[in-house]
PDB file of N, CA and C in Angstrom:
ATOM      1  N   MET A   1      13.935   3.449  15.561  1.00  0.00           N
ATOM      2  CA  MET A   1      13.501   2.060  15.884  1.00  0.00           C
ATOM      3  C   MET A   1      12.719   1.568  14.676  1.00  0.00           C
ATOM      4  N   LEU A   2      12.885   0.378  14.257  1.00  0.00           N
ATOM      5  CA  LEU A   2      12.157  -0.240  13.325  1.00  0.00           C
ATOM      6  C   LEU A   2      10.663  -0.581  13.585  1.00  0.00           C
ATOM      7  N   ASN A   3       9.754  -0.242  12.826  1.00  0.00           N
ATOM      8  CA  ASN A   3       8.314  -0.763  12.928  1.00  0.00           C
ATOM      9  C   ASN A   3       8.241  -2.118  12.103  1.00  0.00           C
ATOM     10  N   ILE A   4       8.204  -3.223  12.987  1.00  0.00           N
ATOM     11  CA  ILE A   4       8.215  -4.599  12.350  1.00  0.00           C
ATOM     12  C   ILE A   4       6.331  -5.040  12.124  1.00  0.00           C
ATOM     13  N   PHE A   5       5.736  -4.025  12.371  1.00  0.00           N
ATOM     14  CA  PHE A   5       4.107  -4.340  12.358  1.00  0.00           C
ATOM     15  C   PHE A   5       3.508  -3.498  11.447  1.00  0.00           C
ATOM     16  N   LYS A   6       4.219  -3.321  10.125  1.00  0.00           N
ATOM     17  CA  LYS A   6       3.827  -2.617   8.991  1.00  0.00           C
ATOM     18  C   LYS A   6       2.397  -2.927   8.559  1.00  0.00           C
ATOM     19  N   SER A   7       1.653  -2.340   8.467  1.00  0.00           N
ATOM     20  CA  SER A   7       0.286  -2.486   7.828  1.00  0.00           C
ATOM     21  C   SER A   7       0.362  -2.972   6.239  1.00  0.00           C
ATOM     22  N   THR A   8       0.084  -4.189   5.869  1.00  0.00           N
ATOM     23  CA  THR A   8      -0.127  -4.433   4.592  1.00  0.00           C
ATOM     24  C   THR A   8      -1.279  -3.769   3.713  1.00  0.00           C
ATOM     25  N   PRO A   9      -1.033  -3.187   2.487  1.00  0.00           N
ATOM     26  CA  PRO A   9      -2.155  -2.406   1.898  1.00  0.00           C
ATOM     27  C   PRO A   9      -3.177  -3.526   1.308  1.00  0.00           C
ATOM     28  N   LYS A  10      -4.262  -2.974   1.492  1.00  0.00           N
ATOM     29  CA  LYS A  10      -5.374  -3.789   0.848  1.00  0.00           C
ATOM     30  C   LYS A  10      -5.623  -4.280  -0.422  1.00  0.00           C
ATOM     31  N   ASN A  11      -5.590  -5.496  -0.819  1.00  0.00           N
ATOM     32  CA  ASN A  11      -5.412  -6.064  -2.330  1.00  0.00           C
ATOM     33  C   ASN A  11      -6.549  -6.274  -2.859  1.00  0.00           C
ATOM     34  N   TYR A  12      -7.952  -5.724  -2.152  1.00  0.00           N
ATOM     35  CA  TYR A  12      -9.190  -6.033  -2.964  1.00  0.00           C
ATOM     36  C   TYR A  12     -10.047  -4.950  -2.790  1.00  0.00           C
ATOM     37  N   ALA A  13     -11.188  -4.848  -3.356  1.00  0.00           N
ATOM     38  CA  ALA A  13     -12.154  -3.462  -3.513  1.00  0.00           C
ATOM     39  C   ALA A  13     -13.088  -3.717  -2.492  1.00  0.00           C
ATOM     40  N   ASP A  14     -13.332  -2.635  -1.658  1.00  0.00           N
ATOM     41  CA  ASP A  14     -14.774  -2.557  -0.818  1.00  0.00           C
ATOM     42  C   ASP A  14     -15.578  -1.697  -1.871  1.00  0.00           C
ATOM     43  N   LEU A  15     -16.696  -2.178  -2.154  1.00  0.00           N
ATOM     44  CA  LEU A  15     -17.506  -1.506  -3.047  1.00  0.00           C
ATOM     45  C   LEU A  15     -19.025  -1.378  -2.553  1.00  0.00           C
ATOM     46  N   ASP A  16     -19.818  -0.298  -2.512  1.00  0.00           N
ATOM     47  CA  ASP A  16     -21.051  -0.296  -2.282  1.00  0.00           C
ATOM     48  C   ASP A  16     -21.755  -1.048  -3.213  1.00  0.00           C
ATOM     49  N   GLY A  17     -23.161  -0.857  -2.777  1.00  0.00           N
ATOM     50  CA  GLY A  17     -23.835  -1.954  -3.532  1.00  0.00           C
ATOM     51  C   GLY A  17     -24.144  -1.383  -5.070  1.00  0.00           C
ATOM     52  N   LYS A  18     -24.256  -0.272  -5.370  1.00  0.00           N
ATOM     53  CA  LYS A  18     -24.551  -0.005  -6.934  1.00  0.00           C
ATOM     54  C   LYS A  18     -23.255  -0.025  -7.561  1.00  0.00           C
ATOM     55  N   THR A  19     -22.147   0.114  -7.050  1.00  0.00           N
ATOM     56  CA  THR A  19     -20.575   0.095  -7.690  1.00  0.00           C
ATOM     57  C   THR A  19     -20.641  -1.427  -7.812  1.00  0.00           C
ATOM     58  N   PHE A  20     -20.789  -2.361  -6.635  1.00  0.00           N
ATOM     59  CA  PHE A  20     -20.737  -3.655  -6.838  1.00  0.00           C
ATOM     60  C   PHE A  20     -21.351  -4.329  -8.188  1.00  0.00           C
ATOM     61  N   LYS A  21     -22.565  -3.663  -8.082  1.00  0.00           N
ATOM     62  CA  LYS A  21     -23.590  -4.462  -9.079  1.00  0.00           C
ATOM     63  C   LYS A  21     -23.161  -4.096 -10.473  1.00  0.00           C
ATOM     64  N   ALA A  22     -22.748  -2.594 -10.701  1.00  0.00           N
ATOM     65  CA  ALA A  22     -22.343  -2.333 -12.124  1.00  0.00           C
ATOM     66  C   ALA A  22     -21.105  -2.892 -12.291  1.00  0.00           C
ATOM     67  N   GLU A  23     -19.933  -3.065 -11.493  1.00  0.00           N
ATOM     68  CA  GLU A  23     -18.788  -3.745 -11.842  1.00  0.00           C
ATOM     69  C   GLU A  23     -19.086  -5.299 -12.054  1.00  0.00           C
ATOM     70  N   PHE A  24     -19.756  -5.759 -11.359  1.00  0.00           N
ATOM     71  CA  PHE A  24     -20.222  -7.244 -11.691  1.00  0.00           C
ATOM     72  C   PHE A  24     -20.768  -7.336 -13.196  1.00  0.00           C
ATOM     73  N   ASP A  25     -21.798  -6.329 -13.338  1.00  0.00           N
ATOM     74  CA  ASP A  25     -22.400  -6.806 -14.493  1.00  0.00           C
ATOM     75  C   ASP A  25     -21.644  -6.375 -15.982  1.00  0.00           C
ATOM     76  N   LYS A  26     -20.661  -5.313 -15.536  1.00  0.00           N
ATOM     77  CA  LYS A  26     -19.619  -5.218 -16.773  1.00  0.00           C
ATOM     78  C   LYS A  26     -18.675  -6.218 -17.076  1.00  0.00           C
ATOM     79  N   SER A  27     -18.167  -6.984 -16.014  1.00  0.00           N
ATOM     80  CA  SER A  27     -17.044  -7.839 -16.134  1.00  0.00           C
ATOM     81  C   SER A  27     -17.315  -9.024 -16.716  1.00  0.00           C
ATOM     82  N   PRO A  28     -16.667  -9.339 -17.626  1.00  0.00           N
ATOM     83  CA  PRO A  28     -16.962 -10.599 -18.649  1.00  0.00           C
ATOM     84  C   PRO A  28     -16.800 -11.985 -17.846  1.00  0.00           C
ATOM     85  N   LYS A  29     -15.791 -11.855 -16.668  1.00  0.00           N
ATOM     86  CA  LYS A  29     -15.433 -13.207 -16.094  1.00  0.00           C
ATOM     87  C   LYS A  29     -15.735 -12.915 -14.575  1.00  0.00           C
ATOM     88  N   ALA A  30     -16.965 -12.292 -14.239  1.00  0.00           N
ATOM     89  CA  ALA A  30     -17.545 -12.207 -12.985  1.00  0.00           C
ATOM     90  C   ALA A  30     -18.106 -13.467 -12.385  1.00  0.00           C
ATOM     91  N   GLU A  31     -17.854 -13.691 -11.093  1.00  0.00           N
ATOM     92  CA  GLU A  31     -18.576 -14.952 -10.502  1.00  0.00           C
ATOM     93  C   GLU A  31     -18.967 -14.104  -9.116  1.00  0.00           C
ATOM     94  N   LEU A  32     -20.463 -14.397  -8.802  1.00  0.00           N
ATOM     95  CA  LEU A  32     -20.848 -13.914  -7.320  1.00  0.00           C
ATOM     96  C   LEU A  32     -20.390 -15.107  -6.392  1.00  0.00           C
ATOM     97  N   LEU A  33     -19.898 -14.844  -5.330  1.00  0.00           N
ATOM     98  CA  LEU A  33     -19.488 -15.679  -4.339  1.00  0.00           C
ATOM     99  C   LEU A  33     -20.498 -15.283  -2.731  1.00  0.00           C
ATOM    100  N   ASP A  34     -21.267 -16.214  -2.441  1.00  0.00           N
ATOM    101  CA  ASP A  34     -22.131 -15.971  -1.110  1.00  0.00           C
ATOM    102  C   ASP A  34     -21.238 -16.628  -0.201  1.00  0.00           C
ATOM    103  N   VAL A  35     -20.645 -16.263   0.762  1.00  0.00           N
ATOM    104  CA  VAL A  35     -19.803 -16.940   1.737  1.00  0.00           C
ATOM    105  C   VAL A  35     -20.510 -17.157   3.151  1.00  0.00           C
ATOM    106  N   ARG A  36     -21.852 -16.863   3.219  1.00  0.00           N
ATOM    107  CA  ARG A  36     -22.812 -17.176   4.191  1.00  0.00           C
ATOM    108  C   ARG A  36     -22.808 -18.923   4.439  1.00  0.00           C
ATOM    109  N   THR A  37     -23.354 -19.169   5.459  1.00  0.00           N
ATOM    110  CA  THR A  37     -23.683 -20.508   5.625  1.00  0.00           C
ATOM    111  C   THR A  37     -24.754 -20.956   4.626  1.00  0.00           C
ATOM    112  N   ALA A  38     -24.819 -22.426   4.700  1.00  0.00           N
ATOM    113  CA  ALA A  38     -25.873 -23.075   3.600  1.00  0.00           C
ATOM    114  C   ALA A  38     -27.196 -22.831   4.053  1.00  0.00           C
ATOM    115  N   SER A  39     -27.511 -22.637   5.153  1.00  0.00           N
ATOM    116  CA  SER A  39     -28.927 -22.091   5.689  1.00  0.00           C
ATOM    117  C   SER A  39     -29.164 -20.676   5.414  1.00  0.00           C
ATOM    118  N   GLU A  40     -28.142 -20.004   5.547  1.00  0.00           N
ATOM    119  CA  GLU A  40     -28.308 -18.480   5.171  1.00  0.00           C
ATOM    120  C   GLU A  40     -28.641 -18.518   3.674  1.00  0.00           C
ATOM    121  N   PHE A  41     -27.539 -19.081   3.064  1.00  0.00           N
ATOM    122  CA  PHE A  41     -27.904 -19.132   1.473  1.00  0.00           C
ATOM    123  C   PHE A  41     -29.174 -19.649   1.063  1.00  0.00           C
ATOM    124  N   ALA A  42     -29.745 -20.752   1.865  1.00  0.00           N
ATOM    125  CA  ALA A  42     -31.049 -21.341   1.403  1.00  0.00           C
ATOM    126  C   ALA A  42     -32.266 -20.447   1.534  1.00  0.00           C
ATOM    127  N   SER A  43     -31.764 -19.471   2.640  1.00  0.00           N
ATOM    128  CA  SER A  43     -33.165 -18.585   2.852  1.00  0.00           C
ATOM    129  C   SER A  43     -33.135 -17.485   1.977  1.00  0.00           C
ATOM    130  N   GLY A  44     -32.308 -17.226   1.011  1.00  0.00           N
ATOM    131  CA  GLY A  44     -32.265 -16.282  -0.203  1.00  0.00           C
ATOM    132  C   GLY A  44     -30.977 -15.763  -0.365  1.00  0.00           C
ATOM    133  N   THR A  45     -30.638 -15.536  -1.534  1.00  0.00           N
ATOM    134  CA  THR A  45     -29.496 -15.223  -2.185  1.00  0.00           C
ATOM    135  C   THR A  45     -29.496 -14.225  -3.359  1.00  0.00           C
ATOM    136  N   ILE A  46     -28.524 -13.664  -3.905  1.00  0.00           N
ATOM    137  CA  ILE A  46     -28.670 -12.797  -5.194  1.00  0.00           C
ATOM    138  C   ILE A  46     -28.436 -13.959  -6.167  1.00  0.00           C
ATOM    139  N   PRO A  47     -29.418 -14.166  -7.077  1.00  0.00           N
ATOM    140  CA  PRO A  47     -29.650 -14.910  -8.170  1.00  0.00           C
ATOM    141  C   PRO A  47     -28.224 -15.099  -9.156  1.00  0.00           C
ATOM    142  N   GLY A  48     -27.914 -16.425  -9.120  1.00  0.00           N
ATOM    143  CA  GLY A  48     -26.579 -16.660  -9.945  1.00  0.00           C
ATOM    144  C   GLY A  48     -25.382 -16.765  -9.081  1.00  0.00           C
ATOM    145  N   SER A  49     -25.692 -16.698  -7.533  1.00  0.00           N
ATOM    146  CA  SER A  49     -24.698 -16.844  -6.797  1.00  0.00           C
ATOM    147  C   SER A  49     -24.102 -18.450  -6.480  1.00  0.00           C
ATOM    148  N   LYS A  50     -22.932 -18.494  -6.175  1.00  0.00           N
ATOM    149  CA  LYS A  50     -22.266 -19.917  -6.010  1.00  0.00           C
ATOM    150  C   LYS A  50     -21.937 -19.688  -4.174  1.00  0.00           C
ATOM    151  N   ASN A  51     -22.488 -20.771  -3.515  1.00  0.00           N
ATOM    152  CA  ASN A  51     -22.140 -20.624  -1.951  1.00  0.00           C
ATOM    153  C   ASN A  51     -20.983 -21.395  -1.563  1.00  0.00           C
ATOM    154  N   LEU A  52     -20.129 -20.677  -0.820  1.00  0.00           N
ATOM    155  CA  LEU A  52     -18.896 -21.144  -0.386  1.00  0.00           C
ATOM    156  C   LEU A  52     -18.774 -20.727   1.177  1.00  0.00           C
ATOM    157  N   ASP A  53     -19.418 -21.442   2.078  1.00  0.00           N
ATOM    158  CA  ASP A  53     -19.291 -20.942   3.520  1.00  0.00           C
ATOM    159  C   ASP A  53     -17.772 -20.627   3.986  1.00  0.00           C
ATOM    160  N   PHE A  54     -17.778 -19.445   4.321  1.00  0.00           N
ATOM    161  CA  PHE A  54     -16.593 -19.009   4.666  1.00  0.00           C
ATOM    162  C   PHE A  54     -16.105 -19.563   6.090  1.00  0.00           C
ATOM    163  N   LEU A  55     -17.082 -19.863   6.950  1.00  0.00           N
ATOM    164  CA  LEU A  55     -16.879 -20.539   8.054  1.00  0.00           C
ATOM    165  C   LEU A  55     -16.724 -21.984   8.240  1.00  0.00           C
ATOM    166  N   SER A  56     -16.863 -22.395   7.189  1.00  0.00           N
ATOM    167  CA  SER A  56     -16.625 -23.883   7.251  1.00  0.00           C
ATOM    168  C   SER A  56     -15.129 -24.243   6.923  1.00  0.00           C
ATOM    169  N   GLY A  57     -14.828 -25.559   7.537  1.00  0.00           N
ATOM    170  CA  GLY A  57     -13.380 -25.891   7.559  1.00  0.00           C
ATOM    171  C   GLY A  57     -12.933 -26.125   5.916  1.00  0.00           C
ATOM    172  N   GLN A  58     -13.937 -26.193   4.980  1.00  0.00           N
ATOM    173  CA  GLN A  58     -13.403 -26.502   3.693  1.00  0.00           C
ATOM    174  C   GLN A  58     -13.462 -25.332   2.765  1.00  0.00           C
ATOM    175  N   PHE A  59     -13.448 -23.945   3.201  1.00  0.00           N
ATOM    176  CA  PHE A  59     -13.285 -23.121   2.501  1.00  0.00           C
ATOM    177  C   PHE A  59     -12.004 -22.700   1.714  1.00  0.00           C
ATOM    178  N   GLN A  60     -10.899 -22.465   2.584  1.00  0.00           N
ATOM    179  CA  GLN A  60      -9.512 -22.722   2.029  1.00  0.00           C
ATOM    180  C   GLN A  60      -9.341 -23.820   0.861  1.00  0.00           C
ATOM    181  N   VAL A  61      -9.782 -24.900   1.239  1.00  0.00           N
ATOM    182  CA  VAL A  61      -9.561 -26.066   0.132  1.00  0.00           C
ATOM    183  C   VAL A  61     -10.396 -25.713  -0.897  1.00  0.00           C
ATOM    184  N   ALA A  62     -11.555 -25.143  -0.813  1.00  0.00           N
ATOM    185  CA  ALA A  62     -12.503 -24.967  -2.055  1.00  0.00           C
ATOM    186  C   ALA A  62     -11.969 -23.851  -2.786  1.00  0.00           C
ATOM    187  N   THR A  63     -11.153 -22.906  -2.033  1.00  0.00           N
ATOM    188  CA  THR A  63     -10.869 -21.652  -3.015  1.00  0.00           C
ATOM    189  C   THR A  63      -9.550 -22.166  -4.126  1.00  0.00           C
ATOM    190  N   ARG A  64      -8.866 -23.453  -3.736  1.00  0.00           N
ATOM    191  CA  ARG A  64      -7.836 -23.938  -4.491  1.00  0.00           C
ATOM    192  C   ARG A  64      -8.319 -24.202  -5.879  1.00  0.00           C
ATOM    193  N   LYS A  65      -9.516 -24.543  -5.868  1.00  0.00           N
ATOM    194  CA  LYS A  65     -10.396 -25.059  -7.130  1.00  0.00           C
ATOM    195  C   LYS A  65     -11.116 -23.775  -8.030  1.00  0.00           C
ATOM    196  N   LEU A  66     -10.766 -22.747  -7.596  1.00  0.00           N
ATOM    197  CA  LEU A  66     -11.425 -21.464  -8.234  1.00  0.00           C
ATOM    198  C   LEU A  66     -10.327 -21.121  -9.429  1.00  0.00           C
ATOM    199  N   ASP A  67     -11.352 -20.504 -10.375  1.00  0.00           N
ATOM    200  CA  ASP A  67     -10.535 -20.250 -11.467  1.00  0.00           C
ATOM    201  C   ASP A  67      -9.592 -18.790 -11.396  1.00  0.00           C
ATOM    202  N   LYS A  68      -8.449 -18.632 -11.327  1.00  0.00           N
ATOM    203  CA  LYS A  68      -7.684 -17.434 -11.025  1.00  0.00           C
ATOM    204  C   LYS A  68      -8.034 -16.213 -12.371  1.00  0.00           C
ATOM    205  N   ASP A  69      -8.625 -16.655 -13.485  1.00  0.00           N
ATOM    206  CA  ASP A  69      -8.814 -15.801 -14.521  1.00  0.00           C
ATOM    207  C   ASP A  69     -10.185 -15.287 -14.419  1.00  0.00           C
ATOM    208  N   LYS A  70     -10.921 -15.569 -13.225  1.00  0.00           N
ATOM    209  CA  LYS A  70     -12.207 -14.710 -12.891  1.00  0.00           C
ATOM    210  C   LYS A  70     -12.121 -13.799 -11.910  1.00  0.00           C
ATOM    211  N   GLU A  71     -12.952 -12.833 -11.717  1.00  0.00           N
ATOM    212  CA  GLU A  71     -12.941 -11.903 -10.692  1.00  0.00           C
ATOM    213  C   GLU A  71     -14.393 -12.242  -9.860  1.00  0.00           C
ATOM    214  N   TYR A  72     -13.727 -12.244  -8.570  1.00  0.00           N
ATOM    215  CA  TYR A  72     -15.020 -12.884  -7.580  1.00  0.00           C
ATOM    216  C   TYR A  72     -15.498 -11.500  -6.879  1.00  0.00           C
ATOM    217  N   TYR A  73     -16.991 -11.455  -6.953  1.00  0.00           N
ATOM    218  CA  TYR A  73     -17.433 -10.748  -5.939  1.00  0.00           C
ATOM    219  C   TYR A  73     -18.169 -11.255  -5.175  1.00  0.00           C
ATOM    220  N   VAL A  74     -17.843 -11.000  -3.945  1.00  0.00           N
ATOM    221  CA  VAL A  74     -17.793 -11.393  -2.541  1.00  0.00           C
ATOM    222  C   VAL A  74     -18.931 -10.883  -1.561  1.00  0.00           C
ATOM    223  N   PHE A  75     -19.989 -11.773  -1.017  1.00  0.00           N
ATOM    224  CA  PHE A  75     -20.850 -10.970  -0.120  1.00  0.00           C
ATOM    225  C   PHE A  75     -21.243 -12.154   1.055  1.00  0.00           C
ATOM    226  N   CYS A  76     -21.703 -11.346   1.825  1.00  0.00           N
ATOM    227  CA  CYS A  76     -22.245 -12.255   3.035  1.00  0.00           C
ATOM    228  C   CYS A  76     -23.408 -11.484   3.712  1.00  0.00           C
ATOM    229  N   ARG A  77     -23.848 -11.292   4.999  1.00  0.00           N
ATOM    230  CA  ARG A  77     -25.021 -10.899   5.694  1.00  0.00           C
ATOM    231  C   ARG A  77     -24.633  -9.195   5.723  1.00  0.00           C
ATOM    232  N   SER A  78     -23.463  -8.868   6.459  1.00  0.00           N
ATOM    233  CA  SER A  78     -23.075  -7.722   6.615  1.00  0.00           C
ATOM    234  C   SER A  78     -22.014  -6.973   6.125  1.00  0.00           C
ATOM    235  N   GLY A  79     -21.096  -8.105   5.516  1.00  0.00           N
ATOM    236  CA  GLY A  79     -19.842  -7.501   4.840  1.00  0.00           C
ATOM    237  C   GLY A  79     -18.611  -7.825   5.472  1.00  0.00           C
ATOM    238  N   ASN A  80     -18.777  -8.337   6.702  1.00  0.00           N
ATOM    239  CA  ASN A  80     -17.728  -8.691   7.598  1.00  0.00           C
ATOM    240  C   ASN A  80     -16.880 -10.122   7.111  1.00  0.00           C
ATOM    241  N   ARG A  81     -17.838 -11.178   6.863  1.00  0.00           N
ATOM    242  CA  ARG A  81     -17.063 -12.183   6.285  1.00  0.00           C
ATOM    243  C   ARG A  81     -16.699 -12.260   5.071  1.00  0.00           C
ATOM    244  N   SER A  82     -17.454 -11.509   4.016  1.00  0.00           N
ATOM    245  CA  SER A  82     -16.771 -11.469   2.764  1.00  0.00           C
ATOM    246  C   SER A  82     -15.726 -10.602   2.571  1.00  0.00           C
ATOM    247  N   SER A  83     -15.628  -9.478   3.668  1.00  0.00           N
ATOM    248  CA  SER A  83     -14.199  -8.791   3.560  1.00  0.00           C
ATOM    249  C   SER A  83     -13.076  -9.563   4.058  1.00  0.00           C
ATOM    250  N   SER A  84     -13.194 -10.626   4.981  1.00  0.00           N
ATOM    251  CA  SER A  84     -12.154 -11.508   5.395  1.00  0.00           C
ATOM    252  C   SER A  84     -11.880 -12.615   4.154  1.00  0.00           C
ATOM    253  N   ALA A  85     -12.889 -13.125   3.593  1.00  0.00           N
ATOM    254  CA  ALA A  85     -12.879 -13.922   2.388  1.00  0.00           C
ATOM    255  C   ALA A  85     -12.077 -13.282   1.220  1.00  0.00           C
ATOM    256  N   CYS A  86     -12.418 -11.779   1.263  1.00  0.00           N
ATOM    257  CA  CYS A  86     -11.630 -11.334  -0.032  1.00  0.00           C
ATOM    258  C   CYS A  86     -10.225 -11.185   0.362  1.00  0.00           C
ATOM    259  N   LYS A  87     -10.038 -11.156   1.587  1.00  0.00           N
ATOM    260  CA  LYS A  87      -8.528 -10.721   1.792  1.00  0.00           C
ATOM    261  C   LYS A  87      -7.867 -11.992   1.742  1.00  0.00           C
ATOM    262  N   LEU A  88      -8.334 -13.118   2.234  1.00  0.00           N
ATOM    263  CA  LEU A  88      -8.099 -14.638   1.901  1.00  0.00           C
ATOM    264  C   LEU A  88      -7.779 -14.607   0.307  1.00  0.00           C
ATOM    265  N   LEU A  89      -8.703 -14.520  -0.313  1.00  0.00           N
ATOM    266  CA  LEU A  89      -8.761 -14.777  -2.106  1.00  0.00           C
ATOM    267  C   LEU A  89      -7.665 -13.852  -2.595  1.00  0.00           C
ATOM    268  N   ALA A  90      -7.755 -12.676  -2.116  1.00  0.00           N
ATOM    269  CA  ALA A  90      -6.623 -11.645  -2.662  1.00  0.00           C
ATOM    270  C   ALA A  90      -5.049 -12.151  -2.446  1.00  0.00           C
ATOM    271  N   ASP A  91      -4.902 -12.445  -1.118  1.00  0.00           N
ATOM    272  CA  ASP A  91      -3.429 -13.095  -0.933  1.00  0.00           C
ATOM    273  C   ASP A  91      -3.215 -14.251  -1.771  1.00  0.00           C
ATOM    274  N   GLN A  92      -4.373 -15.052  -2.135  1.00  0.00           N
ATOM    275  CA  GLN A  92      -3.835 -16.175  -3.168  1.00  0.00           C
ATOM    276  C   GLN A  92      -3.764 -15.804  -4.673  1.00  0.00           C
ATOM    277  N   GLY A  93      -3.973 -14.615  -4.757  1.00  0.00           N
ATOM    278  CA  GLY A  93      -3.711 -14.209  -6.245  1.00  0.00           C
ATOM    279  C   GLY A  93      -5.035 -13.764  -7.080  1.00  0.00           C
ATOM    280  N   PHE A  94      -6.275 -13.908  -6.430  1.00  0.00           N
ATOM    281  CA  PHE A  94      -7.416 -13.778  -6.788  1.00  0.00           C
ATOM    282  C   PHE A  94      -7.890 -12.343  -7.141  1.00  0.00           C
ATOM    283  N   LYS A  95      -8.549 -12.105  -7.933  1.00  0.00           N
ATOM    284  CA  LYS A  95      -9.306 -10.627  -8.152  1.00  0.00           C
ATOM    285  C   LYS A  95     -10.431 -10.663  -7.343  1.00  0.00           C
ATOM    286  N   ALA A  96     -10.583 -10.038  -6.214  1.00  0.00           N
ATOM    287  CA  ALA A  96     -11.873 -10.007  -5.443  1.00  0.00           C
ATOM    288  C   ALA A  96     -12.304  -8.558  -5.225  1.00  0.00           C
ATOM    289  N   HIS A  97     -13.730  -8.563  -5.044  1.00  0.00           N
ATOM    290  CA  HIS A  97     -14.781  -7.285  -4.542  1.00  0.00           C
ATOM    291  C   HIS A  97     -15.616  -7.449  -3.529  1.00  0.00           C
ATOM    292  N   ASN A  98     -15.334  -6.774  -2.332  1.00  0.00           N
ATOM    293  CA  ASN A  98     -16.254  -7.070  -1.467  1.00  0.00           C
ATOM    294  C   ASN A  98     -17.559  -6.330  -1.307  1.00  0.00           C
ATOM    295  N   LEU A  99     -18.598  -6.725  -1.085  1.00  0.00           N
ATOM    296  CA  LEU A  99     -19.980  -5.994  -1.002  1.00  0.00           C
ATOM    297  C   LEU A  99     -20.107  -5.359   0.396  1.00  0.00           C
ATOM    298  N   VAL A 100     -19.644  -4.106   0.629  1.00  0.00           N
ATOM    299  CA  VAL A 100     -19.817  -3.232   1.562  1.00  0.00           C
ATOM    300  C   VAL A 100     -21.365  -3.384   2.355  1.00  0.00           C
ATOM    301  N   GLY A 101     -21.714  -3.895   3.544  1.00  0.00           N
ATOM    302  CA  GLY A 101     -23.247  -3.845   4.060  1.00  0.00           C
ATOM    303  C   GLY A 101     -23.735  -5.142   3.798  1.00  0.00           C
ATOM    304  N   GLY A 102     -23.358  -5.998   3.163  1.00  0.00           N
ATOM    305  CA  GLY A 102     -23.963  -7.377   2.758  1.00  0.00           C
ATOM    306  C   GLY A 102     -24.975  -7.227   1.795  1.00  0.00           C
ATOM    307  N   VAL A 103     -25.286  -8.479   1.666  1.00  0.00           N
ATOM    308  CA  VAL A 103     -26.684  -8.967   0.822  1.00  0.00           C
ATOM    309  C   VAL A 103     -27.655  -7.843   0.530  1.00  0.00           C
ATOM    310  N   GLY A 104     -27.737  -7.257   1.843  1.00  0.00           N
ATOM    311  CA  GLY A 104     -28.955  -6.404   1.836  1.00  0.00           C
ATOM    312  C   GLY A 104     -28.529  -4.964   1.051  1.00  0.00           C
ATOM    313  N   SER A 105     -27.414  -4.692   0.798  1.00  0.00           N
ATOM    314  CA  SER A 105     -26.817  -3.589  -0.044  1.00  0.00           C
ATOM    315  C   SER A 105     -26.850  -3.747  -1.685  1.00  0.00           C
ATOM    316  N   TRP A 106     -27.256  -4.896  -2.132  1.00  0.00           N
ATOM    317  CA  TRP A 106     -27.505  -5.287  -3.557  1.00  0.00           C
ATOM    318  C   TRP A 106     -28.711  -4.555  -3.990  1.00  0.00           C
ATOM    319  N   PRO A 107     -28.460  -3.866  -4.954  1.00  0.00           N
ATOM    320  CA  PRO A 107     -29.749  -2.908  -5.583  1.00  0.00           C
ATOM    321  C   PRO A 107     -30.823  -3.717  -5.893  1.00  0.00           C
ATOM    322  N   ARG A 108     -31.996  -3.508  -5.785  1.00  0.00           N
ATOM    323  CA  ARG A 108     -33.202  -4.389  -6.190  1.00  0.00           C
ATOM    324  C   ARG A 108     -33.672  -3.631  -7.652  1.00  0.00           C
TER     325      ARG A 108
END
């Protein structure tokens, strides 16, 4: 019997905080995306981040305006929304990296 529910391989990277920051720092075309809500973003974020709320109805529209030549380093509070955002970005042909554990995992 054929398995029609094959899982597709993940096409983005899940990175711990130190690796995420190191990869971001050495990438000449890196952009930080904070996919939390505007109020979460306003309460504090990683310096230089762009806010693109994953839960807003505009997320997919906004991704169409992103530069496919850049690498996107994506984070949220816990790593769940950013993981979903990375999957969506990668499915659209973007190079994406997820910060496992969320913004609190960013090295100080």
